């Protein structure tokens, strides 16, 4: 198996990312990990469940985990339909993805690097695995972190984070390149807020373990 590309797309851009995924797949093996953040939050609010984040990661009760699975299934189905016949829908907990539970966040896990047999087999069959980020337990896993864990486990060539912002912003301007060590110091100093935190941490992890990482138009280098 050649070194694949891992593409992570957020729930807000999942369907619109299909065109780029298909373009990449003409020359590369592609693994897709998607989120469903906006969909999960909207449905939790509809059901009267508290929406709470810590460091960009969702606090997940057992009731919220049901919403997470349902929302991920909807996004997974829509993304697979947009990609077409080569898409293979996969749920992380069904294919053996593992994570260490983070009790302070509830039913949430820190994913472990892995190369699931189902993903390797899909790539061998020239399919595009489209993975919903749950781990055995089941545990809710941040999609950015899951994508990085898979990229490291699969020894991917690079990981692309597709988001609804053009990249890492500094005063509204996209930062073209940032050093992973410097990015880590900025994170620790509280320079960033919200969803960019897990993206940047995941990109740092991938870069430091040998995987090229890009958040939109920003390259994170080790």
N, C-alpha and C. Protein backbone atom coordinates (compact mmCIF):
# COMPACT_ATOMS: atom_id res chain seq x y z
N UNK A 1 0.84 -1.19 0.00
CA UNK A 1 0.00 0.00 0.00
C UNK A 1 0.88 1.24 0.00
N UNK A 2 0.61 2.17 -0.91
CA UNK A 2 1.33 3.44 -0.93
C UNK A 2 0.85 4.29 0.25
N UNK A 3 1.57 5.35 0.54
CA UNK A 3 1.20 6.21 1.66
C UNK A 3 -0.03 7.03 1.29
N UNK A 4 -1.12 6.87 2.02
CA UNK A 4 -2.36 7.59 1.66
C UNK A 4 -2.35 9.03 2.14
N UNK A 5 -3.38 9.74 1.76
CA UNK A 5 -3.68 11.07 2.28
C UNK A 5 -4.91 10.94 3.18
N UNK A 6 -4.85 11.55 4.35
CA UNK A 6 -6.02 11.61 5.23
C UNK A 6 -6.64 12.99 5.11
N UNK A 7 -7.93 13.02 4.82
CA UNK A 7 -8.66 14.28 4.71
C UNK A 7 -9.67 14.35 5.84
N UNK A 8 -9.58 15.38 6.64
CA UNK A 8 -10.58 15.59 7.69
C UNK A 8 -11.46 16.76 7.30
N UNK A 9 -12.76 16.54 7.27
CA UNK A 9 -13.68 17.64 6.95
C UNK A 9 -14.71 17.79 8.07
N UNK A 10 -14.96 19.02 8.44
CA UNK A 10 -15.93 19.31 9.49
C UNK A 10 -17.35 19.12 8.99
N UNK A 11 -18.27 18.99 9.94
CA UNK A 11 -19.66 18.77 9.57
C UNK A 11 -20.25 19.89 8.74
N UNK A 12 -19.71 21.11 8.91
CA UNK A 12 -20.25 22.26 8.18
C UNK A 12 -19.86 22.25 6.71
N UNK A 13 -18.80 21.50 6.38
CA UNK A 13 -18.31 21.51 4.99
C UNK A 13 -18.23 20.12 4.38
N UNK A 14 -18.77 19.12 5.08
CA UNK A 14 -18.56 17.73 4.66
C UNK A 14 -19.00 17.47 3.22
N UNK A 15 -20.25 17.81 2.89
CA UNK A 15 -20.74 17.52 1.54
C UNK A 15 -19.98 18.30 0.48
N UNK A 16 -19.69 19.57 0.76
CA UNK A 16 -18.99 20.40 -0.23
C UNK A 16 -17.55 19.96 -0.42
N UNK A 17 -17.02 19.15 0.51
CA UNK A 17 -15.64 18.66 0.40
C UNK A 17 -15.53 17.51 -0.59
N UNK A 18 -16.65 16.95 -1.01
CA UNK A 18 -16.63 15.77 -1.86
C UNK A 18 -15.86 16.00 -3.16
N UNK A 19 -15.99 17.19 -3.73
CA UNK A 19 -15.32 17.48 -5.00
C UNK A 19 -13.80 17.40 -4.83
N UNK A 20 -13.28 17.99 -3.77
CA UNK A 20 -11.83 17.93 -3.52
C UNK A 20 -11.39 16.49 -3.24
N UNK A 21 -12.19 15.77 -2.47
CA UNK A 21 -11.85 14.37 -2.15
C UNK A 21 -11.75 13.55 -3.43
N UNK A 22 -12.70 13.73 -4.33
CA UNK A 22 -12.69 12.99 -5.60
C UNK A 22 -11.50 13.39 -6.46
N UNK A 23 -11.17 14.68 -6.44
CA UNK A 23 -10.01 15.15 -7.22
C UNK A 23 -8.73 14.51 -6.69
N UNK A 24 -8.56 14.49 -5.37
CA UNK A 24 -7.38 13.86 -4.78
C UNK A 24 -7.32 12.37 -5.10
N UNK A 25 -8.49 11.74 -5.10
CA UNK A 25 -8.56 10.29 -5.30
C UNK A 25 -8.18 9.86 -6.71
N UNK A 26 -8.10 10.79 -7.64
CA UNK A 26 -7.69 10.42 -9.01
C UNK A 26 -6.21 10.05 -9.06
N UNK A 27 -5.43 10.54 -8.10
CA UNK A 27 -3.99 10.25 -8.10
C UNK A 27 -3.48 9.66 -6.80
N UNK A 28 -4.29 9.70 -5.74
CA UNK A 28 -3.83 9.26 -4.42
C UNK A 28 -4.86 8.33 -3.77
N UNK A 29 -4.40 7.55 -2.81
CA UNK A 29 -5.33 6.83 -1.93
C UNK A 29 -5.78 7.81 -0.85
N UNK A 30 -7.08 7.88 -0.62
CA UNK A 30 -7.62 8.89 0.29
C UNK A 30 -8.45 8.22 1.40
N UNK A 31 -8.19 8.64 2.62
CA UNK A 31 -8.99 8.24 3.78
C UNK A 31 -9.67 9.50 4.30
N UNK A 32 -10.98 9.42 4.53
CA UNK A 32 -11.74 10.59 4.98
C UNK A 32 -12.24 10.37 6.41
N UNK A 33 -12.06 11.37 7.23
CA UNK A 33 -12.66 11.41 8.57
C UNK A 33 -13.51 12.68 8.63
N UNK A 34 -14.74 12.55 9.09
CA UNK A 34 -15.63 13.72 9.13
C UNK A 34 -16.17 13.96 10.53
N UNK A 35 -16.54 15.19 10.77
CA UNK A 35 -17.23 15.54 11.99
C UNK A 35 -18.71 15.76 11.73
N UNK A 36 -19.39 16.28 12.75
CA UNK A 36 -20.81 16.64 12.60
C UNK A 36 -21.16 17.68 13.66
N UNK A 37 -20.20 18.55 13.95
CA UNK A 37 -20.36 19.48 15.07
C UNK A 37 -21.62 20.31 15.05
N UNK A 38 -21.90 21.05 13.96
CA UNK A 38 -23.11 21.88 13.95
C UNK A 38 -24.39 21.06 14.08
N UNK A 39 -24.41 19.91 13.43
CA UNK A 39 -25.60 19.05 13.47
C UNK A 39 -25.83 18.51 14.88
N UNK A 40 -24.74 18.10 15.55
CA UNK A 40 -24.87 17.58 16.92
C UNK A 40 -25.38 18.66 17.86
N UNK A 41 -24.77 19.85 17.79
CA UNK A 41 -25.18 20.94 18.69
C UNK A 41 -26.64 21.31 18.49
N UNK A 42 -27.06 21.40 17.23
CA UNK A 42 -28.45 21.78 16.94
C UNK A 42 -29.42 20.75 17.49
N UNK A 43 -29.11 19.47 17.33
CA UNK A 43 -30.02 18.43 17.80
C UNK A 43 -30.01 18.34 19.33
N UNK A 44 -28.86 18.56 19.95
CA UNK A 44 -28.81 18.56 21.41
C UNK A 44 -29.66 19.69 21.97
N UNK A 45 -29.56 20.86 21.36
CA UNK A 45 -30.37 21.99 21.82
C UNK A 45 -31.86 21.69 21.63
N UNK A 46 -32.20 21.04 20.53
CA UNK A 46 -33.61 20.69 20.26
C UNK A 46 -34.15 19.76 21.33
N UNK A 47 -33.28 18.88 21.85
CA UNK A 47 -33.70 17.91 22.86
C UNK A 47 -33.51 18.43 24.29
N UNK A 48 -33.05 19.66 24.42
CA UNK A 48 -32.87 20.24 25.74
C UNK A 48 -31.64 19.76 26.47
N UNK A 49 -30.63 19.29 25.73
CA UNK A 49 -29.39 18.82 26.34
C UNK A 49 -28.35 19.95 26.31
N UNK A 50 -27.57 20.06 27.38
CA UNK A 50 -26.58 21.13 27.47
C UNK A 50 -25.46 20.92 26.45
N UNK A 51 -25.11 21.98 25.75
CA UNK A 51 -23.98 21.97 24.81
C UNK A 51 -22.80 22.63 25.50
N UNK A 52 -21.75 21.85 25.74
CA UNK A 52 -20.60 22.37 26.48
C UNK A 52 -19.31 21.85 25.85
N UNK A 53 -18.33 22.73 25.71
CA UNK A 53 -17.03 22.36 25.17
C UNK A 53 -15.94 22.72 26.16
N UNK A 54 -14.90 21.90 26.21
CA UNK A 54 -13.70 22.18 27.00
C UNK A 54 -12.51 22.00 26.07
N UNK A 55 -11.77 23.09 25.84
CA UNK A 55 -10.63 23.02 24.93
C UNK A 55 -11.01 22.59 23.53
N UNK A 56 -12.20 22.99 23.10
CA UNK A 56 -12.66 22.65 21.76
C UNK A 56 -13.24 21.26 21.62
N UNK A 57 -13.29 20.51 22.72
CA UNK A 57 -13.85 19.16 22.66
C UNK A 57 -15.19 19.11 23.40
N UNK A 58 -16.12 18.35 22.84
CA UNK A 58 -17.48 18.32 23.36
C UNK A 58 -17.61 17.44 24.59
N UNK A 59 -18.15 18.00 25.67
CA UNK A 59 -18.52 17.19 26.83
C UNK A 59 -19.70 16.31 26.41
N UNK A 60 -19.58 14.99 26.62
CA UNK A 60 -20.55 14.05 26.05
C UNK A 60 -21.11 13.11 27.11
N UNK A 61 -22.38 13.32 27.45
CA UNK A 61 -23.08 12.41 28.35
C UNK A 61 -23.58 11.21 27.55
N UNK A 62 -24.15 10.21 28.25
CA UNK A 62 -24.71 9.05 27.54
C UNK A 62 -25.83 9.47 26.61
N UNK A 63 -26.66 10.43 27.06
CA UNK A 63 -27.75 10.91 26.21
C UNK A 63 -27.20 11.65 25.00
N UNK A 64 -26.16 12.45 25.22
CA UNK A 64 -25.55 13.19 24.12
C UNK A 64 -24.89 12.23 23.12
N UNK A 65 -24.36 11.11 23.62
CA UNK A 65 -23.69 10.16 22.73
C UNK A 65 -24.67 9.59 21.70
N UNK A 66 -25.93 9.44 22.09
CA UNK A 66 -26.94 8.98 21.13
C UNK A 66 -27.10 10.00 20.00
N UNK A 67 -27.11 11.28 20.38
CA UNK A 67 -27.22 12.35 19.37
C UNK A 67 -25.99 12.36 18.49
N UNK A 68 -24.83 12.18 19.09
CA UNK A 68 -23.57 12.17 18.33
C UNK A 68 -23.62 11.08 17.25
N UNK A 69 -24.03 9.87 17.64
CA UNK A 69 -24.07 8.77 16.68
C UNK A 69 -25.08 9.05 15.56
N UNK A 70 -26.25 9.52 15.91
CA UNK A 70 -27.28 9.79 14.90
C UNK A 70 -26.82 10.88 13.93
N UNK A 71 -26.22 11.93 14.47
CA UNK A 71 -25.77 13.04 13.62
C UNK A 71 -24.61 12.61 12.73
N UNK A 72 -23.68 11.84 13.28
CA UNK A 72 -22.58 11.33 12.47
C UNK A 72 -23.09 10.44 11.34
N UNK A 73 -24.11 9.64 11.64
CA UNK A 73 -24.68 8.76 10.60
C UNK A 73 -25.28 9.58 9.46
N UNK A 74 -25.95 10.67 9.81
CA UNK A 74 -26.55 11.52 8.77
C UNK A 74 -25.47 12.15 7.89
N UNK A 75 -24.43 12.69 8.53
CA UNK A 75 -23.36 13.34 7.77
C UNK A 75 -22.61 12.29 6.94
N UNK A 76 -22.36 11.13 7.54
CA UNK A 76 -21.64 10.07 6.83
C UNK A 76 -22.40 9.66 5.57
N UNK A 77 -23.71 9.48 5.72
CA UNK A 77 -24.52 9.09 4.56
C UNK A 77 -24.53 10.14 3.47
N UNK A 78 -24.67 11.40 3.88
CA UNK A 78 -24.70 12.49 2.89
C UNK A 78 -23.36 12.62 2.18
N UNK A 79 -22.26 12.49 2.93
CA UNK A 79 -20.93 12.61 2.34
C UNK A 79 -20.66 11.45 1.39
N UNK A 80 -21.04 10.25 1.79
CA UNK A 80 -20.84 9.08 0.93
C UNK A 80 -21.65 9.22 -0.37
N UNK A 81 -22.87 9.73 -0.25
CA UNK A 81 -23.68 9.93 -1.47
C UNK A 81 -23.02 10.97 -2.38
N UNK A 82 -22.44 12.02 -1.79
CA UNK A 82 -21.80 13.06 -2.59
C UNK A 82 -20.54 12.54 -3.27
N UNK A 83 -19.82 11.64 -2.62
CA UNK A 83 -18.61 11.07 -3.21
C UNK A 83 -18.96 10.06 -4.29
N UNK A 84 -19.98 9.24 -4.01
CA UNK A 84 -20.41 8.27 -5.02
C UNK A 84 -20.05 6.84 -4.68
N UNK A 85 -20.01 6.00 -5.70
CA UNK A 85 -19.90 4.55 -5.51
C UNK A 85 -18.59 4.10 -4.86
N UNK A 86 -17.55 4.92 -4.95
CA UNK A 86 -16.27 4.51 -4.37
C UNK A 86 -16.20 4.74 -2.86
N UNK A 87 -17.19 5.42 -2.30
CA UNK A 87 -17.18 5.71 -0.86
C UNK A 87 -17.61 4.48 -0.07
N UNK A 88 -16.89 4.21 1.03
CA UNK A 88 -17.25 3.10 1.92
C UNK A 88 -17.51 3.68 3.31
N UNK A 89 -18.78 3.67 3.76
CA UNK A 89 -19.08 4.22 5.09
C UNK A 89 -18.58 3.31 6.20
N UNK A 90 -17.89 3.88 7.18
CA UNK A 90 -17.36 3.12 8.30
C UNK A 90 -17.56 3.90 9.60
N UNK A 91 -17.92 3.19 10.68
CA UNK A 91 -17.97 3.79 12.00
C UNK A 91 -16.78 3.28 12.80
N UNK A 92 -16.07 4.21 13.43
CA UNK A 92 -14.83 3.86 14.11
C UNK A 92 -14.98 2.75 15.13
N UNK A 93 -16.06 2.78 15.93
CA UNK A 93 -16.19 1.75 16.96
C UNK A 93 -16.46 0.37 16.36
N UNK A 94 -16.99 0.32 15.14
CA UNK A 94 -17.27 -0.95 14.47
C UNK A 94 -16.02 -1.56 13.83
N UNK A 95 -15.00 -0.72 13.56
CA UNK A 95 -13.80 -1.23 12.90
C UNK A 95 -12.61 -1.31 13.86
N UNK A 96 -12.90 -1.15 15.15
CA UNK A 96 -11.85 -1.39 16.14
C UNK A 96 -11.00 -0.20 16.52
N UNK A 97 -11.42 1.02 16.18
CA UNK A 97 -10.68 2.18 16.64
C UNK A 97 -10.74 2.25 18.16
N UNK A 98 -9.61 2.53 18.77
CA UNK A 98 -9.54 2.54 20.23
C UNK A 98 -9.14 3.92 20.74
N UNK A 99 -9.58 4.20 21.96
CA UNK A 99 -9.26 5.49 22.59
C UNK A 99 -9.23 5.31 24.09
N UNK A 100 -8.51 6.20 24.76
CA UNK A 100 -8.47 6.21 26.21
C UNK A 100 -9.49 7.23 26.71
N UNK A 101 -10.40 6.78 27.57
CA UNK A 101 -11.47 7.67 28.01
C UNK A 101 -10.92 8.85 28.81
N UNK A 102 -11.55 10.00 28.60
CA UNK A 102 -11.22 11.22 29.33
C UNK A 102 -12.39 11.50 30.27
N UNK A 103 -12.35 11.00 31.51
CA UNK A 103 -13.51 11.07 32.41
C UNK A 103 -14.09 12.46 32.59
N UNK A 104 -13.25 13.50 32.60
CA UNK A 104 -13.77 14.85 32.84
C UNK A 104 -14.68 15.32 31.71
N UNK A 105 -14.59 14.66 30.54
CA UNK A 105 -15.43 15.03 29.41
C UNK A 105 -16.59 14.05 29.21
N UNK A 106 -16.70 13.06 30.06
CA UNK A 106 -17.77 12.07 29.93
C UNK A 106 -17.38 10.93 29.00
N UNK A 107 -18.25 10.65 28.04
CA UNK A 107 -18.03 9.54 27.11
C UNK A 107 -17.18 10.00 25.93
N UNK A 108 -15.97 10.44 26.25
CA UNK A 108 -15.05 11.01 25.25
C UNK A 108 -13.71 10.30 25.38
N UNK A 109 -13.04 10.10 24.24
CA UNK A 109 -11.76 9.41 24.28
C UNK A 109 -10.66 10.12 23.52
N UNK A 110 -9.41 9.90 23.98
CA UNK A 110 -8.22 10.32 23.24
C UNK A 110 -7.83 9.14 22.34
N UNK A 111 -7.87 9.31 21.01
CA UNK A 111 -7.65 8.18 20.12
C UNK A 111 -6.19 7.72 20.09
N UNK A 112 -6.00 6.43 19.85
CA UNK A 112 -4.68 5.84 19.74
C UNK A 112 -4.34 5.63 18.27
N UNK A 113 -3.10 5.87 17.85
CA UNK A 113 -2.72 5.64 16.45
C UNK A 113 -3.02 4.21 16.03
N UNK A 114 -3.56 4.05 14.83
CA UNK A 114 -3.93 2.72 14.39
C UNK A 114 -4.06 2.66 12.87
N UNK A 115 -4.08 1.43 12.36
CA UNK A 115 -4.29 1.19 10.93
C UNK A 115 -5.31 0.06 10.82
N UNK A 116 -6.60 0.35 10.99
CA UNK A 116 -7.63 -0.69 11.01
C UNK A 116 -7.64 -1.53 9.73
N UNK A 117 -7.83 -2.83 9.90
CA UNK A 117 -7.85 -3.74 8.75
C UNK A 117 -8.90 -3.31 7.73
N UNK A 118 -10.04 -2.82 8.20
CA UNK A 118 -11.12 -2.43 7.28
C UNK A 118 -10.69 -1.26 6.39
N UNK A 119 -9.90 -0.37 6.95
CA UNK A 119 -9.43 0.79 6.18
C UNK A 119 -8.38 0.36 5.17
N UNK A 120 -7.44 -0.46 5.60
CA UNK A 120 -6.39 -0.95 4.69
C UNK A 120 -7.01 -1.75 3.55
N UNK A 121 -7.99 -2.60 3.88
CA UNK A 121 -8.66 -3.41 2.85
C UNK A 121 -9.40 -2.52 1.86
N UNK A 122 -10.06 -1.47 2.35
CA UNK A 122 -10.78 -0.56 1.46
C UNK A 122 -9.82 0.12 0.48
N UNK A 123 -8.68 0.55 0.99
CA UNK A 123 -7.69 1.20 0.12
C UNK A 123 -7.16 0.22 -0.92
N UNK A 124 -6.95 -1.02 -0.51
CA UNK A 124 -6.47 -2.04 -1.45
C UNK A 124 -7.49 -2.28 -2.57
N UNK A 125 -8.76 -2.07 -2.26
CA UNK A 125 -9.83 -2.26 -3.25
C UNK A 125 -10.16 -0.97 -3.99
N UNK A 126 -9.30 0.05 -3.82
CA UNK A 126 -9.45 1.35 -4.48
C UNK A 126 -10.75 2.04 -4.10
N UNK A 127 -11.16 1.86 -2.85
CA UNK A 127 -12.32 2.55 -2.30
C UNK A 127 -11.84 3.71 -1.42
N UNK A 128 -12.78 4.58 -1.08
CA UNK A 128 -12.48 5.72 -0.21
C UNK A 128 -13.21 5.49 1.12
N UNK A 129 -12.49 5.05 2.16
CA UNK A 129 -13.15 4.88 3.46
C UNK A 129 -13.55 6.23 4.04
N UNK A 130 -14.81 6.32 4.46
CA UNK A 130 -15.35 7.55 5.03
C UNK A 130 -15.73 7.22 6.48
N UNK A 131 -14.98 7.77 7.42
CA UNK A 131 -15.01 7.27 8.80
C UNK A 131 -15.66 8.27 9.75
N UNK A 132 -16.63 7.77 10.51
CA UNK A 132 -17.24 8.56 11.58
C UNK A 132 -16.43 8.35 12.86
N UNK A 133 -16.05 9.42 13.56
CA UNK A 133 -15.09 9.33 14.66
C UNK A 133 -15.68 8.89 16.00
N UNK A 134 -16.00 7.63 16.09
CA UNK A 134 -16.32 7.01 17.36
C UNK A 134 -15.27 5.94 17.63
N UNK A 135 -15.02 5.65 18.90
CA UNK A 135 -14.08 4.59 19.27
C UNK A 135 -14.81 3.55 20.10
N UNK A 136 -14.19 2.39 20.22
CA UNK A 136 -14.78 1.30 21.00
C UNK A 136 -15.14 1.81 22.39
N UNK A 137 -16.27 1.39 22.88
CA UNK A 137 -16.77 1.82 24.18
C UNK A 137 -18.29 1.85 24.27
N UNK A 138 -18.97 2.63 23.42
CA UNK A 138 -18.39 3.60 22.47
C UNK A 138 -18.00 4.90 23.16
N UNK A 139 -17.05 5.58 22.52
CA UNK A 139 -16.61 6.88 23.00
C UNK A 139 -16.65 7.87 21.85
N UNK A 140 -17.05 9.08 22.16
CA UNK A 140 -17.01 10.16 21.19
C UNK A 140 -15.57 10.65 21.07
N UNK A 141 -15.07 10.78 19.86
CA UNK A 141 -13.70 11.23 19.65
C UNK A 141 -13.72 12.46 18.74
N UNK A 142 -12.99 13.47 19.11
CA UNK A 142 -12.89 14.64 18.25
C UNK A 142 -12.37 14.22 16.88
N UNK A 143 -13.04 14.66 15.83
CA UNK A 143 -12.71 14.19 14.48
C UNK A 143 -11.30 14.61 14.06
N UNK A 144 -10.84 15.77 14.49
CA UNK A 144 -9.48 16.21 14.16
C UNK A 144 -8.46 15.24 14.77
N UNK A 145 -8.68 14.89 16.03
CA UNK A 145 -7.77 13.99 16.72
C UNK A 145 -7.81 12.59 16.12
N UNK A 146 -9.01 12.14 15.74
CA UNK A 146 -9.13 10.82 15.12
C UNK A 146 -8.39 10.79 13.78
N UNK A 147 -8.53 11.86 13.01
CA UNK A 147 -7.85 11.93 11.72
C UNK A 147 -6.34 11.86 11.90
N UNK A 148 -5.81 12.56 12.89
CA UNK A 148 -4.37 12.54 13.14
C UNK A 148 -3.91 11.15 13.58
N UNK A 149 -4.70 10.49 14.44
CA UNK A 149 -4.34 9.15 14.91
C UNK A 149 -4.30 8.16 13.74
N UNK A 150 -5.25 8.28 12.84
CA UNK A 150 -5.26 7.41 11.66
C UNK A 150 -4.10 7.74 10.73
N UNK A 151 -3.82 9.02 10.55
CA UNK A 151 -2.72 9.42 9.68
C UNK A 151 -1.40 8.86 10.18
N UNK A 152 -1.19 8.91 11.48
CA UNK A 152 0.05 8.37 12.06
C UNK A 152 0.07 6.85 11.93
N UNK A 153 -1.05 6.19 12.27
CA UNK A 153 -1.11 4.74 12.21
C UNK A 153 -0.95 4.18 10.81
N UNK A 154 -1.51 4.90 9.83
CA UNK A 154 -1.45 4.46 8.43
C UNK A 154 -0.16 4.93 7.74
N UNK A 155 0.67 5.68 8.47
CA UNK A 155 1.89 6.27 7.91
C UNK A 155 1.56 7.09 6.66
N UNK A 156 0.54 7.92 6.80
CA UNK A 156 0.06 8.74 5.68
C UNK A 156 1.13 9.72 5.23
N UNK A 157 1.05 10.09 3.97
CA UNK A 157 1.96 11.10 3.43
C UNK A 157 1.63 12.47 4.00
N UNK A 158 0.33 12.77 4.09
CA UNK A 158 -0.08 14.06 4.63
C UNK A 158 -1.50 14.00 5.14
N UNK A 159 -1.85 15.00 5.92
CA UNK A 159 -3.20 15.13 6.44
C UNK A 159 -3.68 16.54 6.14
N UNK A 160 -4.89 16.62 5.60
CA UNK A 160 -5.49 17.90 5.23
C UNK A 160 -6.72 18.14 6.10
N UNK A 161 -6.77 19.27 6.75
CA UNK A 161 -7.94 19.65 7.54
C UNK A 161 -8.74 20.66 6.72
N UNK A 162 -9.90 20.23 6.22
CA UNK A 162 -10.77 21.12 5.45
C UNK A 162 -11.77 21.73 6.41
N UNK A 163 -11.84 23.05 6.42
CA UNK A 163 -12.70 23.73 7.39
C UNK A 163 -13.40 24.90 6.72
N UNK A 164 -14.27 25.58 7.48
CA UNK A 164 -15.00 26.71 6.91
C UNK A 164 -14.23 28.03 7.07
N UNK A 165 -12.97 27.94 7.51
CA UNK A 165 -12.08 29.11 7.50
C UNK A 165 -10.90 28.78 6.61
N UNK A 166 -10.23 29.81 6.02
CA UNK A 166 -9.19 29.53 5.03
C UNK A 166 -7.90 28.97 5.60
N UNK A 167 -7.72 29.03 6.91
CA UNK A 167 -6.50 28.53 7.53
C UNK A 167 -6.35 29.13 8.92
N UNK A 168 -5.16 29.02 9.47
CA UNK A 168 -4.87 29.62 10.76
C UNK A 168 -4.75 31.13 10.58
N UNK A 169 -5.53 31.86 11.35
CA UNK A 169 -5.60 33.31 11.16
C UNK A 169 -4.84 34.07 12.24
N UNK A 170 -4.14 35.13 11.82
CA UNK A 170 -3.48 36.04 12.74
C UNK A 170 -3.93 37.45 12.37
N UNK A 171 -4.81 38.00 13.17
CA UNK A 171 -5.35 39.32 12.86
C UNK A 171 -6.16 39.33 11.58
N UNK A 172 -6.82 38.21 11.30
CA UNK A 172 -7.65 38.11 10.10
C UNK A 172 -6.89 37.71 8.85
N UNK A 173 -5.57 37.53 8.96
CA UNK A 173 -4.73 37.16 7.81
C UNK A 173 -4.28 35.71 7.98
N UNK A 174 -4.34 34.94 6.88
CA UNK A 174 -3.93 33.54 6.94
C UNK A 174 -2.43 33.42 7.13
N UNK A 175 -2.03 32.60 8.10
CA UNK A 175 -0.61 32.31 8.33
C UNK A 175 -0.22 31.17 7.39
N UNK A 176 0.70 31.39 6.43
CA UNK A 176 1.01 30.34 5.45
C UNK A 176 1.74 29.14 6.04
N UNK A 177 2.64 29.39 7.00
CA UNK A 177 3.43 28.31 7.61
C UNK A 177 3.61 28.62 9.09
N UNK A 178 3.48 27.56 9.93
CA UNK A 178 3.78 27.74 11.35
C UNK A 178 4.54 26.51 11.84
N UNK A 179 5.57 26.77 12.63
CA UNK A 179 6.36 25.69 13.21
C UNK A 179 5.56 25.00 14.31
N UNK A 180 5.61 23.68 14.32
CA UNK A 180 4.81 22.91 15.28
C UNK A 180 5.13 23.27 16.72
N UNK A 181 6.41 23.43 17.02
CA UNK A 181 6.80 23.77 18.39
C UNK A 181 6.27 25.14 18.79
N UNK A 182 6.39 26.09 17.88
CA UNK A 182 5.88 27.44 18.15
C UNK A 182 4.36 27.42 18.31
N UNK A 183 3.69 26.62 17.45
CA UNK A 183 2.23 26.50 17.53
C UNK A 183 1.82 25.93 18.88
N UNK A 184 2.57 24.97 19.37
CA UNK A 184 2.27 24.38 20.67
C UNK A 184 2.40 25.39 21.80
N UNK A 185 3.42 26.24 21.72
CA UNK A 185 3.61 27.27 22.74
C UNK A 185 2.45 28.27 22.73
N UNK A 186 1.99 28.62 21.52
CA UNK A 186 0.87 29.54 21.40
C UNK A 186 -0.40 28.94 21.98
N UNK A 187 -0.62 27.66 21.72
CA UNK A 187 -1.78 26.97 22.29
C UNK A 187 -1.72 26.97 23.80
N UNK A 188 -0.56 26.62 24.34
CA UNK A 188 -0.40 26.56 25.80
C UNK A 188 -0.59 27.93 26.44
N UNK A 189 -0.29 28.98 25.67
CA UNK A 189 -0.42 30.34 26.19
C UNK A 189 -1.85 30.87 26.05
N UNK A 190 -2.74 30.04 25.47
CA UNK A 190 -4.13 30.46 25.32
C UNK A 190 -4.38 31.42 24.19
N UNK A 191 -3.54 31.35 23.14
CA UNK A 191 -3.65 32.30 22.03
C UNK A 191 -4.83 32.01 21.11
N UNK A 192 -5.41 30.81 21.22
CA UNK A 192 -6.50 30.42 20.33
C UNK A 192 -7.71 29.98 21.14
N UNK A 193 -8.88 30.07 20.50
CA UNK A 193 -10.12 29.70 21.16
C UNK A 193 -10.94 28.80 20.24
N UNK A 194 -11.79 27.97 20.85
CA UNK A 194 -12.79 27.20 20.08
C UNK A 194 -12.22 26.05 19.28
N UNK A 195 -12.85 25.82 18.12
CA UNK A 195 -12.58 24.62 17.34
C UNK A 195 -11.21 24.54 16.71
N UNK A 196 -10.49 25.68 16.62
CA UNK A 196 -9.15 25.63 16.05
C UNK A 196 -8.19 24.91 16.99
N UNK A 197 -8.51 24.84 18.28
CA UNK A 197 -7.59 24.23 19.25
C UNK A 197 -7.35 22.75 18.95
N UNK A 198 -8.40 21.90 18.85
CA UNK A 198 -8.12 20.50 18.54
C UNK A 198 -7.54 20.30 17.15
N UNK A 199 -7.90 21.17 16.19
CA UNK A 199 -7.31 21.06 14.85
C UNK A 199 -5.80 21.28 14.89
N UNK A 200 -5.41 22.36 15.57
CA UNK A 200 -4.00 22.69 15.63
C UNK A 200 -3.22 21.65 16.43
N UNK A 201 -3.79 21.20 17.54
CA UNK A 201 -3.10 20.16 18.32
C UNK A 201 -2.94 18.88 17.49
N UNK A 202 -3.98 18.52 16.73
CA UNK A 202 -3.91 17.33 15.90
C UNK A 202 -2.87 17.49 14.80
N UNK A 203 -2.82 18.68 14.21
CA UNK A 203 -1.84 18.95 13.16
C UNK A 203 -0.42 18.90 13.72
N UNK A 204 -0.22 19.43 14.92
CA UNK A 204 1.09 19.39 15.57
C UNK A 204 1.51 17.94 15.81
N UNK A 205 0.59 17.13 16.34
CA UNK A 205 0.89 15.71 16.59
C UNK A 205 1.31 15.01 15.31
N UNK A 206 0.52 15.22 14.24
CA UNK A 206 0.83 14.57 12.97
C UNK A 206 2.18 15.02 12.44
N UNK A 207 2.44 16.33 12.45
CA UNK A 207 3.69 16.86 11.91
C UNK A 207 4.90 16.33 12.67
N UNK A 208 4.77 16.28 13.99
CA UNK A 208 5.91 15.82 14.79
C UNK A 208 6.16 14.32 14.65
N UNK A 209 5.16 13.60 14.14
CA UNK A 209 5.31 12.15 13.94
C UNK A 209 5.48 11.80 12.47
N UNK A 210 5.85 12.79 11.67
CA UNK A 210 6.27 12.50 10.31
C UNK A 210 5.23 12.62 9.22
N UNK A 211 4.07 13.22 9.54
CA UNK A 211 3.02 13.38 8.54
C UNK A 211 2.88 14.86 8.21
N UNK A 212 2.98 15.23 6.93
CA UNK A 212 2.76 16.61 6.54
C UNK A 212 1.34 17.03 6.94
N UNK A 213 1.20 18.21 7.53
CA UNK A 213 -0.11 18.64 8.02
C UNK A 213 -0.45 20.02 7.49
N UNK A 214 -1.70 20.16 7.04
CA UNK A 214 -2.18 21.44 6.51
C UNK A 214 -3.58 21.71 7.06
N UNK A 215 -3.77 22.91 7.60
CA UNK A 215 -5.09 23.36 8.02
C UNK A 215 -5.50 24.43 7.03
N UNK A 216 -6.38 24.08 6.10
CA UNK A 216 -6.68 25.01 5.02
C UNK A 216 -5.41 25.35 4.27
N UNK A 217 -5.06 26.63 4.21
CA UNK A 217 -3.87 27.06 3.50
C UNK A 217 -2.65 27.22 4.41
N UNK A 218 -2.77 26.76 5.65
CA UNK A 218 -1.66 26.86 6.60
C UNK A 218 -0.94 25.53 6.74
N UNK A 219 0.36 25.51 6.48
CA UNK A 219 1.18 24.31 6.68
C UNK A 219 1.74 24.33 8.09
N UNK A 220 1.59 23.19 8.80
CA UNK A 220 2.16 23.04 10.14
C UNK A 220 3.37 22.11 9.99
N UNK A 221 4.56 22.62 10.28
CA UNK A 221 5.77 21.86 10.01
C UNK A 221 6.54 21.59 11.28
N UNK A 222 7.22 20.45 11.34
CA UNK A 222 8.03 20.09 12.51
C UNK A 222 9.48 20.49 12.27
